[in-house]
PDB file of N, CA and C in Angstrom:
ATOM      1  N   MET A   1     103.247 118.481  73.839  1.00  0.00           N
ATOM      2  CA  MET A   1     103.472 117.809  75.110  1.00  0.00           C
ATOM      3  C   MET A   1     102.159 117.247  75.677  1.00  0.00           C
ATOM      4  N   LYS A   2     101.066 118.014  75.532  1.00  0.00           N
ATOM      5  CA  LYS A   2      99.775 117.543  76.036  1.00  0.00           C
ATOM      6  C   LYS A   2      99.334 116.280  75.307  1.00  0.00           C
ATOM      7  N   LYS A   3      99.606 116.212  74.001  1.00  0.00           N
ATOM      8  CA  LYS A   3      99.225 115.031  73.229  1.00  0.00           C
ATOM      9  C   LYS A   3      99.987 113.804  73.694  1.00  0.00           C
ATOM     10  N   LEU A   4     101.261 113.985  74.035  1.00  0.00           N
ATOM     11  CA  LEU A   4     102.070 112.872  74.515  1.00  0.00           C
ATOM     12  C   LEU A   4     101.536 112.356  75.851  1.00  0.00           C
ATOM     13  N   ILE A   5     101.203 113.245  76.749  1.00  0.00           N
ATOM     14  CA  ILE A   5     100.664 112.855  78.056  1.00  0.00           C
ATOM     15  C   ILE A   5      99.317 112.171  77.879  1.00  0.00           C
ATOM     16  N   LEU A   6      98.474 112.736  77.021  1.00  0.00           N
ATOM     17  CA  LEU A   6      97.167 112.136  76.767  1.00  0.00           C
ATOM     18  C   LEU A   6      97.311 110.731  76.175  1.00  0.00           C
ATOM     19  N   ALA A   7      98.230 110.561  75.253  1.00  0.00           N
ATOM     20  CA  ALA A   7      98.464 109.241  74.665  1.00  0.00           C
ATOM     21  C   ALA A   7      98.949 108.254  75.713  1.00  0.00           C
ATOM     22  N   PHE A   8      99.862 108.683  76.578  1.00  0.00           N
ATOM     23  CA  PHE A   8     100.376 107.806  77.632  1.00  0.00           C
ATOM     24  C   PHE A   8      99.261 107.391  78.586  1.00  0.00           C
ATOM     25  N   VAL A   9      98.437 108.334  79.010  1.00  0.00           N
ATOM     26  CA  VAL A   9      97.332 108.035  79.923  1.00  0.00           C
ATOM     27  C   VAL A   9      96.337 107.083  79.262  1.00  0.00           C
ATOM     28  N   THR A  10      96.046 107.282  77.991  1.00  0.00           N
ATOM     29  CA  THR A  10      95.118 106.415  77.272  1.00  0.00           C
ATOM     30  C   THR A  10      95.641 104.981  77.215  1.00  0.00           C
ATOM     31  N   VAL A  11      96.911 104.816  76.900  1.00  0.00           N
ATOM     32  CA  VAL A  11      97.512 103.483  76.840  1.00  0.00           C
ATOM     33  C   VAL A  11      97.524 102.841  78.222  1.00  0.00           C
ATOM     34  N   ALA A  12      97.855 103.598  79.247  1.00  0.00           N
ATOM     35  CA  ALA A  12      97.889 103.060  80.612  1.00  0.00           C
ATOM     36  C   ALA A  12      96.499 102.604  81.050  1.00  0.00           C
ATOM     37  N   LEU A  13      95.478 103.374  80.755  1.00  0.00           N
ATOM     38  CA  LEU A  13      94.111 102.978  81.115  1.00  0.00           C
ATOM     39  C   LEU A  13      93.662 101.749  80.335  1.00  0.00           C
ATOM     40  N   ALA A  14      94.018 101.674  79.081  1.00  0.00           N
ATOM     41  CA  ALA A  14      93.656 100.506  78.274  1.00  0.00           C
ATOM     42  C   ALA A  14      94.303  99.251  78.828  1.00  0.00           C
ATOM     43  N   MET A  15      95.546  99.344  79.236  1.00  0.00           N
ATOM     44  CA  MET A  15      96.247  98.183  79.796  1.00  0.00           C
ATOM     45  C   MET A  15      95.655  97.787  81.135  1.00  0.00           C
ATOM     46  N   ALA A  16      95.283  98.758  81.955  1.00  0.00           N
ATOM     47  CA  ALA A  16      94.733  98.473  83.276  1.00  0.00           C
ATOM     48  C   ALA A  16      93.357  97.816  83.172  1.00  0.00           C
ATOM     49  N   SER A  17      92.581  98.184  82.161  1.00  0.00           N
ATOM     50  CA  SER A  17      91.239  97.630  82.043  1.00  0.00           C
ATOM     51  C   SER A  17      91.194  96.347  81.219  1.00  0.00           C
ATOM     52  N   ALA A  18      92.300  95.961  80.629  1.00  0.00           N
ATOM     53  CA  ALA A  18      92.334  94.749  79.800  1.00  0.00           C
ATOM     54  C   ALA A  18      92.131  93.507  80.661  1.00  0.00           C
ATOM     55  N   ALA A  19      91.436  92.553  80.099  1.00  0.00           N
ATOM     56  CA  ALA A  19      91.199  91.302  80.806  1.00  0.00           C
ATOM     57  C   ALA A  19      92.487  90.487  80.873  1.00  0.00           C
ATOM     58  N   THR A  20      92.581  89.669  81.911  1.00  0.00           N
ATOM     59  CA  THR A  20      93.714  88.776  82.081  1.00  0.00           C
ATOM     60  C   THR A  20      93.310  87.402  81.570  1.00  0.00           C
ATOM     61  N   LYS A  21      94.194  86.754  80.811  1.00  0.00           N
ATOM     62  CA  LYS A  21      93.866  85.458  80.204  1.00  0.00           C
ATOM     63  C   LYS A  21      94.806  84.368  80.713  1.00  0.00           C
ATOM     64  N   TYR A  22      94.231  83.190  80.956  1.00  0.00           N
ATOM     65  CA  TYR A  22      94.993  82.037  81.430  1.00  0.00           C
ATOM     66  C   TYR A  22      94.614  80.815  80.608  1.00  0.00           C
ATOM     67  N   ASN A  23      95.529  79.879  80.471  1.00  0.00           N
ATOM     68  CA  ASN A  23      95.243  78.575  79.874  1.00  0.00           C
ATOM     69  C   ASN A  23      95.129  77.575  81.008  1.00  0.00           C
ATOM     70  N   VAL A  24      94.017  76.851  81.024  1.00  0.00           N
ATOM     71  CA  VAL A  24      93.733  75.915  82.111  1.00  0.00           C
ATOM     72  C   VAL A  24      93.280  74.589  81.517  1.00  0.00           C
ATOM     73  N   THR A  25      93.753  73.495  82.093  1.00  0.00           N
ATOM     74  CA  THR A  25      93.308  72.160  81.685  1.00  0.00           C
ATOM     75  C   THR A  25      92.442  71.572  82.787  1.00  0.00           C
ATOM     76  N   LEU A  26      91.227  71.190  82.435  1.00  0.00           N
ATOM     77  CA  LEU A  26      90.337  70.484  83.363  1.00  0.00           C
ATOM     78  C   LEU A  26      90.511  68.996  83.095  1.00  0.00           C
ATOM     79  N   PHE A  27      90.860  68.232  84.128  1.00  0.00           N
ATOM     80  CA  PHE A  27      91.145  66.810  83.957  1.00  0.00           C
ATOM     81  C   PHE A  27      89.917  65.925  84.149  1.00  0.00           C
ATOM     82  N   GLN A  28      88.806  66.529  84.524  1.00  0.00           N
ATOM     83  CA  GLN A  28      87.570  65.782  84.699  1.00  0.00           C
ATOM     84  C   GLN A  28      86.413  66.700  84.334  1.00  0.00           C
ATOM     85  N   PRO A  29      85.222  66.133  84.050  1.00  0.00           N
ATOM     86  CA  PRO A  29      84.065  66.996  83.820  1.00  0.00           C
ATOM     87  C   PRO A  29      83.878  67.907  85.027  1.00  0.00           C
ATOM     88  N   THR A  30      83.635  69.191  84.766  1.00  0.00           N
ATOM     89  CA  THR A  30      83.613  70.196  85.826  1.00  0.00           C
ATOM     90  C   THR A  30      82.391  71.089  85.662  1.00  0.00           C
ATOM     91  N   VAL A  31      81.695  71.353  86.763  1.00  0.00           N
ATOM     92  CA  VAL A  31      80.541  72.245  86.737  1.00  0.00           C
ATOM     93  C   VAL A  31      81.005  73.657  87.083  1.00  0.00           C
ATOM     94  N   VAL A  32      80.747  74.578  86.153  1.00  0.00           N
ATOM     95  CA  VAL A  32      81.090  75.986  86.325  1.00  0.00           C
ATOM     96  C   VAL A  32      79.811  76.801  86.198  1.00  0.00           C
ATOM     97  N   ASN A  33      79.406  77.433  87.293  1.00  0.00           N
ATOM     98  CA  ASN A  33      78.205  78.272  87.303  1.00  0.00           C
ATOM     99  C   ASN A  33      76.990  77.530  86.741  1.00  0.00           C
ATOM    100  N   GLY A  34      76.841  76.270  87.132  1.00  0.00           N
ATOM    101  CA  GLY A  34      75.691  75.467  86.724  1.00  0.00           C
ATOM    102  C   GLY A  34      75.816  74.782  85.376  1.00  0.00           C
ATOM    103  N   THR A  35      76.906  75.020  84.655  1.00  0.00           N
ATOM    104  CA  THR A  35      77.119  74.407  83.339  1.00  0.00           C
ATOM    105  C   THR A  35      78.244  73.389  83.431  1.00  0.00           C
ATOM    106  N   GLN A  36      77.994  72.186  82.927  1.00  0.00           N
ATOM    107  CA  GLN A  36      79.046  71.170  82.948  1.00  0.00           C
ATOM    108  C   GLN A  36      79.970  71.346  81.755  1.00  0.00           C
ATOM    109  N   LEU A  37      81.258  71.445  82.040  1.00  0.00           N
ATOM    110  CA  LEU A  37      82.288  71.517  81.005  1.00  0.00           C
ATOM    111  C   LEU A  37      82.963  70.159  80.910  1.00  0.00           C
ATOM    112  N   LYS A  38      83.278  69.740  79.693  1.00  0.00           N
ATOM    113  CA  LYS A  38      83.998  68.488  79.493  1.00  0.00           C
ATOM    114  C   LYS A  38      85.451  68.684  79.902  1.00  0.00           C
ATOM    115  N   ALA A  39      86.109  67.582  80.216  1.00  0.00           N
ATOM    116  CA  ALA A  39      87.549  67.647  80.482  1.00  0.00           C
ATOM    117  C   ALA A  39      88.231  68.163  79.223  1.00  0.00           C
ATOM    118  N   GLY A  40      89.257  68.988  79.406  1.00  0.00           N
ATOM    119  CA  GLY A  40      89.971  69.514  78.250  1.00  0.00           C
ATOM    120  C   GLY A  40      90.641  70.840  78.548  1.00  0.00           C
ATOM    121  N   ASP A  41      91.163  71.458  77.506  1.00  0.00           N
ATOM    122  CA  ASP A  41      91.884  72.720  77.632  1.00  0.00           C
ATOM    123  C   ASP A  41      90.939  73.894  77.407  1.00  0.00           C
ATOM    124  N   TYR A  42      91.059  74.903  78.270  1.00  0.00           N
ATOM    125  CA  TYR A  42      90.207  76.079  78.212  1.00  0.00           C
ATOM    126  C   TYR A  42      91.062  77.338  78.329  1.00  0.00           C
ATOM    127  N   LYS A  43      90.589  78.377  77.680  1.00  0.00           N
ATOM    128  CA  LYS A  43      91.144  79.710  77.903  1.00  0.00           C
ATOM    129  C   LYS A  43      90.195  80.367  78.893  1.00  0.00           C
ATOM    130  N   VAL A  44      90.758  80.871  79.990  1.00  0.00           N
ATOM    131  CA  VAL A  44      89.948  81.536  81.004  1.00  0.00           C
ATOM    132  C   VAL A  44      90.342  83.001  80.997  1.00  0.00           C
ATOM    133  N   GLU A  45      89.360  83.850  80.714  1.00  0.00           N
ATOM    134  CA  GLU A  45      89.580  85.291  80.661  1.00  0.00           C
ATOM    135  C   GLU A  45      88.902  85.901  81.876  1.00  0.00           C
ATOM    136  N   VAL A  46      89.676  86.622  82.684  1.00  0.00           N
ATOM    137  CA  VAL A  46      89.130  87.267  83.870  1.00  0.00           C
ATOM    138  C   VAL A  46      89.013  88.758  83.590  1.00  0.00           C
ATOM    139  N   ASP A  47      87.793  89.255  83.700  1.00  0.00           N
ATOM    140  CA  ASP A  47      87.514  90.666  83.470  1.00  0.00           C
ATOM    141  C   ASP A  47      86.711  91.183  84.660  1.00  0.00           C
ATOM    142  N   GLY A  48      87.401  91.838  85.591  1.00  0.00           N
ATOM    143  CA  GLY A  48      86.737  92.318  86.802  1.00  0.00           C
ATOM    144  C   GLY A  48      86.318  91.157  87.671  1.00  0.00           C
ATOM    145  N   ASP A  49      85.020  91.037  87.949  1.00  0.00           N
ATOM    146  CA  ASP A  49      84.511  89.963  88.801  1.00  0.00           C
ATOM    147  C   ASP A  49      83.850  88.854  87.986  1.00  0.00           C
ATOM    148  N   LYS A  50      84.293  88.709  86.736  1.00  0.00           N
ATOM    149  CA  LYS A  50      83.706  87.707  85.843  1.00  0.00           C
ATOM    150  C   LYS A  50      84.816  86.890  85.186  1.00  0.00           C
ATOM    151  N   ALA A  51      84.638  85.571  85.161  1.00  0.00           N
ATOM    152  CA  ALA A  51      85.556  84.673  84.448  1.00  0.00           C
ATOM    153  C   ALA A  51      84.802  84.093  83.270  1.00  0.00           C
ATOM    154  N   ILE A  52      85.472  84.046  82.117  1.00  0.00           N
ATOM    155  CA  ILE A  52      84.860  83.525  80.907  1.00  0.00           C
ATOM    156  C   ILE A  52      85.700  82.341  80.433  1.00  0.00           C
ATOM    157  N   PHE A  53      85.079  81.158  80.425  1.00  0.00           N
ATOM    158  CA  PHE A  53      85.737  79.927  79.975  1.00  0.00           C
ATOM    159  C   PHE A  53      85.408  79.742  78.504  1.00  0.00           C
ATOM    160  N   LYS A  54      86.449  79.524  77.680  1.00  0.00           N
ATOM    161  CA  LYS A  54      86.247  79.353  76.243  1.00  0.00           C
ATOM    162  C   LYS A  54      86.997  78.122  75.751  1.00  0.00           C
ATOM    163  N   THR A  55      86.308  77.345  74.927  1.00  0.00           N
ATOM    164  CA  THR A  55      86.921  76.259  74.180  1.00  0.00           C
ATOM    165  C   THR A  55      86.072  76.064  72.942  1.00  0.00           C
ATOM    166  N   GLY A  56      86.700  76.109  71.789  1.00  0.00           N
ATOM    167  CA  GLY A  56      85.926  76.013  70.551  1.00  0.00           C
ATOM    168  C   GLY A  56      84.864  77.086  70.526  1.00  0.00           C
ATOM    169  N   LYS A  57      83.609  76.676  70.285  1.00  0.00           N
ATOM    170  CA  LYS A  57      82.498  77.630  70.251  1.00  0.00           C
ATOM    171  C   LYS A  57      81.809  77.777  71.598  1.00  0.00           C
ATOM    172  N   GLN A  58      82.171  76.936  72.572  1.00  0.00           N
ATOM    173  CA  GLN A  58      81.528  76.976  73.884  1.00  0.00           C
ATOM    174  C   GLN A  58      82.116  78.116  74.723  1.00  0.00           C
ATOM    175  N   VAL A  59      81.223  78.912  75.332  1.00  0.00           N
ATOM    176  CA  VAL A  59      81.619  80.014  76.208  1.00  0.00           C
ATOM    177  C   VAL A  59      80.748  79.947  77.452  1.00  0.00           C
ATOM    178  N   VAL A  60      81.381  79.944  78.626  1.00  0.00           N
ATOM    179  CA  VAL A  60      80.656  79.914  79.899  1.00  0.00           C
ATOM    180  C   VAL A  60      81.200  81.014  80.787  1.00  0.00           C
ATOM    181  N   GLU A  61      80.297  81.823  81.350  1.00  0.00           N
ATOM    182  CA  GLU A  61      80.688  82.889  82.261  1.00  0.00           C
ATOM    183  C   GLU A  61      80.362  82.487  83.689  1.00  0.00           C
ATOM    184  N   ALA A  62      81.189  82.963  84.623  1.00  0.00           N
ATOM    185  CA  ALA A  62      80.965  82.668  86.035  1.00  0.00           C
ATOM    186  C   ALA A  62      81.491  83.822  86.881  1.00  0.00           C
ATOM    187  N   PRO A  63      80.808  84.122  87.986  1.00  0.00           N
ATOM    188  CA  PRO A  63      81.350  85.131  88.890  1.00  0.00           C
ATOM    189  C   PRO A  63      82.628  84.600  89.532  1.00  0.00           C
ATOM    190  N   VAL A  64      83.606  85.464  89.716  1.00  0.00           N
ATOM    191  CA  VAL A  64      84.893  85.049  90.276  1.00  0.00           C
ATOM    192  C   VAL A  64      85.431  86.146  91.179  1.00  0.00           C
ATOM    193  N   LYS A  65      86.197  85.727  92.147  1.00  0.00           N
ATOM    194  CA  LYS A  65      86.911  86.660  93.018  1.00  0.00           C
ATOM    195  C   LYS A  65      88.399  86.341  92.848  1.00  0.00           C
ATOM    196  N   VAL A  66      89.184  87.335  92.469  1.00  0.00           N
ATOM    197  CA  VAL A  66      90.627  87.151  92.294  1.00  0.00           C
ATOM    198  C   VAL A  66      91.295  87.468  93.626  1.00  0.00           C
ATOM    199  N   GLU A  67      92.072  86.514  94.120  1.00  0.00           N
ATOM    200  CA  GLU A  67      92.759  86.687  95.391  1.00  0.00           C
ATOM    201  C   GLU A  67      94.251  86.447  95.227  1.00  0.00           C
ATOM    202  N   GLU A  68      95.015  86.912  96.189  1.00  0.00           N
ATOM    203  CA  GLU A  68      96.465  86.734  96.218  1.00  0.00           C
ATOM    204  C   GLU A  68      96.784  85.610  97.201  1.00  0.00           C
ATOM    205  N   ALA A  69      97.420  84.541  96.723  1.00  0.00           N
ATOM    206  CA  ALA A  69      97.831  83.432  97.586  1.00  0.00           C
ATOM    207  C   ALA A  69      99.112  83.826  98.315  1.00  0.00           C
ATOM    208  N   THR A  70      99.340  83.249  99.478  1.00  0.00           N
ATOM    209  CA  THR A  70     100.543  83.580 100.246  1.00  0.00           C
ATOM    210  C   THR A  70     101.798  83.019  99.593  1.00  0.00           C
ATOM    211  N   ASP A  71     101.685  81.840  99.002  1.00  0.00           N
ATOM    212  CA  ASP A  71     102.833  81.210  98.347  1.00  0.00           C
ATOM    213  C   ASP A  71     102.642  81.211  96.837  1.00  0.00           C
ATOM    214  N   LYS A  72     103.758  81.198  96.115  1.00  0.00           N
ATOM    215  CA  LYS A  72     103.711  81.127  94.656  1.00  0.00           C
ATOM    216  C   LYS A  72     103.269  79.726  94.245  1.00  0.00           C
ATOM    217  N   ASN A  73     102.339  79.634  93.328  1.00  0.00           N
ATOM    218  CA  ASN A  73     101.834  78.351  92.839  1.00  0.00           C
ATOM    219  C   ASN A  73     102.818  77.772  91.835  1.00  0.00           C
ATOM    220  N   SER A  74     103.226  76.534  92.049  1.00  0.00           N
ATOM    221  CA  SER A  74     104.205  75.923  91.141  1.00  0.00           C
ATOM    222  C   SER A  74     103.574  75.509  89.809  1.00  0.00           C
ATOM    223  N   SER A  75     102.284  75.173  89.820  1.00  0.00           N
ATOM    224  CA  SER A  75     101.570  74.811  88.592  1.00  0.00           C
ATOM    225  C   SER A  75     100.094  75.131  88.785  1.00  0.00           C
ATOM    226  N   ASN A  76      99.342  75.081  87.703  1.00  0.00           N
ATOM    227  CA  ASN A  76      97.900  75.294  87.827  1.00  0.00           C
ATOM    228  C   ASN A  76      97.314  74.196  88.702  1.00  0.00           C
ATOM    229  N   THR A  77      96.479  74.579  89.638  1.00  0.00           N
ATOM    230  CA  THR A  77      95.825  73.626  90.531  1.00  0.00           C
ATOM    231  C   THR A  77      94.333  73.925  90.534  1.00  0.00           C
ATOM    232  N   ILE A  78      93.539  72.886  90.336  1.00  0.00           N
ATOM    233  CA  ILE A  78      92.087  73.021  90.320  1.00  0.00           C
ATOM    234  C   ILE A  78      91.541  72.377  91.584  1.00  0.00           C
ATOM    235  N   ARG A  79      90.669  73.092  92.284  1.00  0.00           N
ATOM    236  CA  ARG A  79      90.028  72.529  93.486  1.00  0.00           C
ATOM    237  C   ARG A  79      88.528  72.465  93.248  1.00  0.00           C
ATOM    238  N   TYR A  80      87.943  71.375  93.744  1.00  0.00           N
ATOM    239  CA  TYR A  80      86.516  71.142  93.569  1.00  0.00           C
ATOM    240  C   TYR A  80      85.832  71.056  94.920  1.00  0.00           C
ATOM    241  N   THR A  81      84.536  71.309  94.913  1.00  0.00           N
ATOM    242  CA  THR A  81      83.706  71.094  96.075  1.00  0.00           C
ATOM    243  C   THR A  81      82.483  70.315  95.605  1.00  0.00           C
ATOM    244  N   GLU A  82      81.890  69.545  96.482  1.00  0.00           N
ATOM    245  CA  GLU A  82      80.702  68.753  96.142  1.00  0.00           C
ATOM    246  C   GLU A  82      80.932  67.914  94.890  1.00  0.00           C
ATOM    247  N   GLY A  83      82.050  67.235  94.826  1.00  0.00           N
ATOM    248  CA  GLY A  83      82.328  66.344  93.703  1.00  0.00           C
ATOM    249  C   GLY A  83      83.001  67.038  92.546  1.00  0.00           C
ATOM    250  N   ASN A  84      82.202  67.653  91.660  1.00  0.00           N
ATOM    251  CA  ASN A  84      82.806  68.217  90.458  1.00  0.00           C
ATOM    252  C   ASN A  84      82.504  69.697  90.245  1.00  0.00           C
ATOM    253  N   LYS A  85      82.059  70.402  91.279  1.00  0.00           N
ATOM    254  CA  LYS A  85      81.805  71.844  91.151  1.00  0.00           C
ATOM    255  C   LYS A  85      83.113  72.607  91.373  1.00  0.00           C
ATOM    256  N   LEU A  86      83.425  73.492  90.441  1.00  0.00           N
ATOM    257  CA  LEU A  86      84.664  74.250  90.523  1.00  0.00           C
ATOM    258  C   LEU A  86      84.635  75.202  91.712  1.00  0.00           C
ATOM    259  N   GLN A  87      85.673  75.119  92.542  1.00  0.00           N
ATOM    260  CA  GLN A  87      85.790  75.988  93.708  1.00  0.00           C
ATOM    261  C   GLN A  87      86.896  77.021  93.508  1.00  0.00           C
ATOM    262  N   GLU A  88      88.036  76.580  92.940  1.00  0.00           N
ATOM    263  CA  GLU A  88      89.189  77.466  92.887  1.00  0.00           C
ATOM    264  C   GLU A  88      90.175  77.008  91.812  1.00  0.00           C
ATOM    265  N   ILE A  89      90.815  77.976  91.183  1.00  0.00           N
ATOM    266  CA  ILE A  89      91.929  77.705  90.282  1.00  0.00           C
ATOM    267  C   ILE A  89      93.114  78.521  90.778  1.00  0.00           C
ATOM    268  N   ARG A  90      94.212  77.837  91.063  1.00  0.00           N
ATOM    269  CA  ARG A  90      95.455  78.521  91.425  1.00  0.00           C
ATOM    270  C   ARG A  90      96.328  78.530  90.182  1.00  0.00           C
ATOM    271  N   ILE A  91      96.748  79.714  89.777  1.00  0.00           N
ATOM    272  CA  ILE A  91      97.479  79.894  88.530  1.00  0.00           C
ATOM    273  C   ILE A  91      98.965  79.647  88.754  1.00  0.00           C
ATOM    274  N   GLY A  92      99.530  78.690  88.012  1.00  0.00           N
ATOM    275  CA  GLY A  92     100.942  78.324  88.131  1.00  0.00           C
ATOM    276  C   GLY A  92     101.866  79.478  87.784  1.00  0.00           C
ATOM    277  N   GLY A  93     102.964  79.584  88.554  1.00  0.00           N
ATOM    278  CA  GLY A  93     103.955  80.623  88.323  1.00  0.00           C
ATOM    279  C   GLY A  93     103.565  81.974  88.873  1.00  0.00           C
ATOM    280  N   SER A  94     102.499  82.025  89.662  1.00  0.00           N
ATOM    281  CA  SER A  94     102.040  83.299  90.219  1.00  0.00           C
ATOM    282  C   SER A  94     101.480  83.091  91.625  1.00  0.00           C
ATOM    283  N   HIS A  95     101.064  84.163  92.233  1.00  0.00           N
ATOM    284  CA  HIS A  95     100.394  84.117  93.535  1.00  0.00           C
ATOM    285  C   HIS A  95      98.877  84.227  93.363  1.00  0.00           C
ATOM    286  N   THR A  96      98.396  84.178  92.128  1.00  0.00           N
ATOM    287  CA  THR A  96      96.985  84.413  91.826  1.00  0.00           C
ATOM    288  C   THR A  96      96.147  83.170  92.045  1.00  0.00           C
ATOM    289  N   LYS A  97      94.985  83.384  92.680  1.00  0.00           N
ATOM    290  CA  LYS A  97      93.999  82.311  92.753  1.00  0.00           C
ATOM    291  C   LYS A  97      92.638  82.890  92.413  1.00  0.00           C
ATOM    292  N   LEU A  98      91.887  82.118  91.658  1.00  0.00           N
ATOM    293  CA  LEU A  98      90.553  82.493  91.227  1.00  0.00           C
ATOM    294  C   LEU A  98      89.567  81.680  92.050  1.00  0.00           C
ATOM    295  N   VAL A  99      88.718  82.350  92.814  1.00  0.00           N
ATOM    296  CA  VAL A  99      87.778  81.673  93.710  1.00  0.00           C
ATOM    297  C   VAL A  99      86.375  81.810  93.130  1.00  0.00           C
ATOM    298  N   PHE A 100      85.688  80.668  92.980  1.00  0.00           N
ATOM    299  CA  PHE A 100      84.365  80.623  92.378  1.00  0.00           C
ATOM    300  C   PHE A 100      83.315  80.303  93.425  1.00  0.00           C
ATOM    301  N   GLY A 101      82.084  80.643  93.147  1.00  0.00           N
ATOM    302  CA  GLY A 101      80.990  80.355  94.050  1.00  0.00           C
ATOM    303  C   GLY A 101      81.094  81.186  95.308  1.00  0.00           C
ATOM    304  N   ALA A 102      80.664  80.626  96.421  1.00  0.00           N
ATOM    305  CA  ALA A 102      80.666  81.354  97.681  1.00  0.00           C
ATOM    306  C   ALA A 102      82.056  81.507  98.251  1.00  0.00           C
ATOM    307  N   GLY A 103      83.051  80.777  97.706  1.00  0.00           N
ATOM    308  CA  GLY A 103      84.417  80.868  98.230  1.00  0.00           C
ATOM    309  C   GLY A 103      84.488  80.366  99.663  1.00  0.00           C
ATOM    310  N   SER A 104      83.743  79.302  99.935  1.00  0.00           N
ATOM    311  CA  SER A 104      83.676  78.787 101.299  1.00  0.00           C
ATOM    312  C   SER A 104      85.025  78.291 101.767  1.00  0.00           C
ATOM    313  N   ASN A 105      85.173  78.176 103.058  1.00  0.00           N
ATOM    314  CA  ASN A 105      86.419  77.709 103.663  1.00  0.00           C
ATOM    315  C   ASN A 105      86.437  76.206 103.850  1.00  0.00           C
ATOM    316  N   GLU A 106      85.471  75.515 103.255  1.00  0.00           N
ATOM    317  CA  GLU A 106      85.425  74.057 103.356  1.00  0.00           C
ATOM    318  C   GLU A 106      86.629  73.458 102.645  1.00  0.00           C
ATOM    319  N   ALA A 107      87.085  72.321 103.150  1.00  0.00           N
ATOM    320  CA  ALA A 107      88.174  71.615 102.485  1.00  0.00           C
ATOM    321  C   ALA A 107      87.655  71.050 101.177  1.00  0.00           C
ATOM    322  N   PRO A 108      88.429  71.165 100.087  1.00  0.00           N
ATOM    323  CA  PRO A 108      87.959  70.608  98.826  1.00  0.00           C
ATOM    324  C   PRO A 108      87.887  69.087  98.902  1.00  0.00           C
ATOM    325  N   THR A 109      86.934  68.528  98.170  1.00  0.00           N
ATOM    326  CA  THR A 109      86.767  67.073  98.187  1.00  0.00           C
ATOM    327  C   THR A 109      87.675  66.403  97.172  1.00  0.00           C
ATOM    328  N   ASN A 110      88.222  67.168  96.228  1.00  0.00           N
ATOM    329  CA  ASN A 110      89.081  66.589  95.201  1.00  0.00           C
ATOM    330  C   ASN A 110      89.987  67.681  94.691  1.00  0.00           C
ATOM    331  N   ALA A 111      91.272  67.438  94.622  1.00  0.00           N
ATOM    332  CA  ALA A 111      92.195  68.463  94.111  1.00  0.00           C
ATOM    333  C   ALA A 111      93.085  67.849  93.045  1.00  0.00           C
ATOM    334  N   ARG A 112      93.442  68.641  92.067  1.00  0.00           N
ATOM    335  CA  ARG A 112      94.332  68.207  90.995  1.00  0.00           C
ATOM    336  C   ARG A 112      95.470  69.184  90.923  1.00  0.00           C
TER     337      ARG A 112
END
């Protein structure tokens, strides 16, 4: 019985600590944590307070804050500040939003 409980706890902890992965399309060149990413499809892995953007061999890490939006997002939405700097990604089909940088309350200058 102890082995069964230990196995269950181990699996539960592994699932809780696993990173969350999203597929995101950037429709324009985008600056993420000082690195310019080309327009295209990216896998974004969120692990704690870090987001990792991957496409091909390119990998870019950025600090991120995961927040709960009040309304469910109908599709992925990318918000920018200062032209092409990534401010926020709202994940389609969920209430999740990923906030980058200072997470300022400024209105985005461009939204997709």
